[in-house]
Amino acid sequence: MGRKQETNPDSEYGEPAQFDPTFNGPIKKRGCTDIICCVLFMLVILGYLAVGILAWLYGDPRHVLYPKNSTGWFCGIGPNEGRPNVLYYDILKCATSVNVMASALNGLQCPTTQVCVESCPHDFWAVNINDFINGKPADAFNQSLCVPSIDLKTTNLTVQEIVDKELCPFFYVPTTSVLGRCLPDVTALDRIPADFSSIPGLPSSASETANIIKNGTEDLVNGFNAREIGVRIFEDFASAWPWILIGLLIAMVVSMLFLLLLRFTAPVMVWVLIIGVLGAGAYGIWHCYWEYDNHKQASATISDIGFTTNFNVYLQVQETWLAFLIIISVAEAIILLTIIFLRKRILIAVAIIQESSKAISHMMSSLLYPLVTFVLLVVCVAYWGTTALYLATSGNPIYRVVALNSTQSDCKSINGSVDCDPQNFNSSAYQNCPSASCIFIKYNDEGLFQRNLFNLQIYNVVAFLWCVNFVIALGQCTLAGAFASYYWAFTKPGDIPMFPLSASFIRSLRYHVGSLAFGALILTLVQLVRIILEYIDHKTRAAQNPCARFLLCCLKCCFWCLEKFIKFLNRNAYIMIAIYGKNFCVSAKNAFLLLMRNVVRVVVLDKVTDLLLFFGKLLVVGGVGILSFFFFSGRILLPGTTFRSETLNYYWMPIITVVFGSYLIAHGFFSVYNMCVDTLFLCFLEDLERNDGSQQKPYYMSKNLMKILNKSNKAPKRGKGKD
């Protein structure tokens, strides 16, 4: 910055006209920062990849995705191709088991035989009571629902023996397929036949049978009966998706226009909002005085009423409105005095906001960078979820002999103590326990890899949080570097480096991975403590006394505040890293001290920016939401279109989608703008402290900012001509 250069008098900014195109901030020469943390981060990433590979080698997510029959085969694939559903023979045993939900969803077997079937039964059926005595198996059962190992036409087993061994279901009720599991249709159980009460093995009352099934499976079935609603919603999306995309495109255009127009409308919008706040306060003062005057005749006082939960009673007392009048008047006076004394700082904030809008107009590609961050975050989430799923299903399943009828005394000695192979299990080896069956117990946890699954899951979470925070840090540093190159350009836009966003991205990856990883690691550690506190709170909530709950609540609040502060500090540290190329600690210290030396300007700029961006989000989301409501509800009809709101099952789903998508789009655009404001503000503060407007140290700020601060760059002395 000490180069002697000629001033361009026609430049809007009053900066020197010449410029070194390789210049990308006050520091030209950069070196790798925080190398130790960079090496540590790379090692963690390599370890994360190794964990994913091991999980992929040992895990089998089919245990979760596909149901299994009693022999351990998956339904819908392999030998059971074409039979995607699993049927539980005695659903009463599933309904009375403790972990019915976990058993049904994770493929864990209930204490009953289960087979893969082509479709779930949709009617009531039970073995006739006479078939238990002299019936033929081929006439008593449905072969397609029996275990594949038995042929009803050639078997020598009686109906009673088949029922005892659970080779065929002796009853079933209407079921519905829920994630491949044939679970009872609870809406049909009210029609259960009365003759079910005479079937051996069922309760003596048909209504009791229905109640047991309802109580055991109603929550599970109702939780997944939303599939039909999901299908209807999918149909709505299939017919309305072009218009949803148009709505999101409108939100994107409105967000972009709002940011670009801030260059011209920011002063008007800021002062309109400020005047609006003052006007609302003035109206509040007038209204409180009016209510105070109307309640002069009221004889009751606050002391007469005492404490009551009916707050309307207090509004009938004159003292209440007097208190409101005093409070609002004091607040109005404070706001008015603050605006008067901080008017110059408000003007500086508005000028920086205008400059940010101008910077974005010269770097439109920066508005698309949130897509890069979004894609990287999706990759991190997908890898974490896949690794967690494979780790959870690592290890071979363990099967053991379990007595389906635990009341038999000869079965108690073998119940759950003998390992077995479900595909080669021979129940005839247990003559004294005809109800013996080979049932899944758990996944093998005796190997070295399986014994450390919990530790690997923790490693998965830690590495995931670190990667996510690093991706966010990379995005902030990239944007900060691009916008800093705009501010420190002498002549704008001519001296802005070519492809500033790409250059900043490459520069961040080349030199500052270690610093970004350092800041991300600090934030990750704080987030881990918060997760641990939430876990402790969840596990010990019932046993906590008031003091313990208060202490835990204070800890959670403190670490929440600490996380917010770390995010604020990291954000500004990344800006300083992008400008000067120093390590994380030095950048964080310099940023913090710089902000503390200008704390009033920081607060004013932050609140003015938040006010504008809140208004912008309200404008984008509210406007697009109202437009989508009128369109999808049929109140606005576009001529020449085939879309009609009557074809939608739930017209509010496209509206919610458009509103939520509009918010994400506006948040993405405004996050770039917010980063631009913060970066230019830090550059502005550095400019004020390091430069004095001389030829050796000219100001880089715009003429508007120099005018507000009563500063200017000195014109170079012109040499005398030769005689």
Foldseek 3Di string as FASTA:
>chain_A
DQDFAFWDPPFQFRFGPDDDLQDQFPANDFFFFQVVLLVVLVVLVVVLVVLLVVLVVFFDLLLQQFAAFQQGDTACDDPNNLQRAKEFQPCLQLLPDDPNVCCVRRNFDGLTGIDGANAADAAKDAFDPVQQPPNQQVVRADVRQFDPVDDSVPDPDGPNLCPLQVRGRRIDHGFDQFSRYTAHPLVCLVVFDQCVLVHPPAHNGSVVRSVSSCNRCVVVCVVRVCVVVVVQVVVQCVQCVVVLVVLLVLLLVLLLVLLLCLLPCVVVVLVVVLVVVLVVLVVLLVVLVVLLVVLPVPPDACVNVDDDPPCVVVSSHNVSSVVSNVVSVVVSVVSVVCCVVCVLLLLVLSQLSSVLSVLCVVVVVLLVCVVVLVVQLVVLVVSLVSSLSSLQRGAAWWKAKAQSPVVQPLRPVRHPPGTDRSNPDDLVVCVSRSRIGIGTDGGDQPDPSSVCSVVSNVSSVLSSQLSSQLSVLLSLLLLLSQLSLQLPQRRPPVSRHDPSSVVSSVVCVVHPSSQSSVLSNVLSVLVVVLVVLVVCCVVCVVPDDPVRVVVSVVVNVVSVVVSVVSVVLSSQLSSQCSRHVHHSVVSSVVSVVLCVVVVVSVVSSVVSLVVSLVVSLCCSLVVSLVVLCCVLVQVDDDPPDPDHNVVRPDSVVSSVSSSVSSNVSSVSSSVSSVSSSSSVVSVQSVLVVPAQQESSRRGSGGPSSCVSVVGHHDRDDDDDDDD
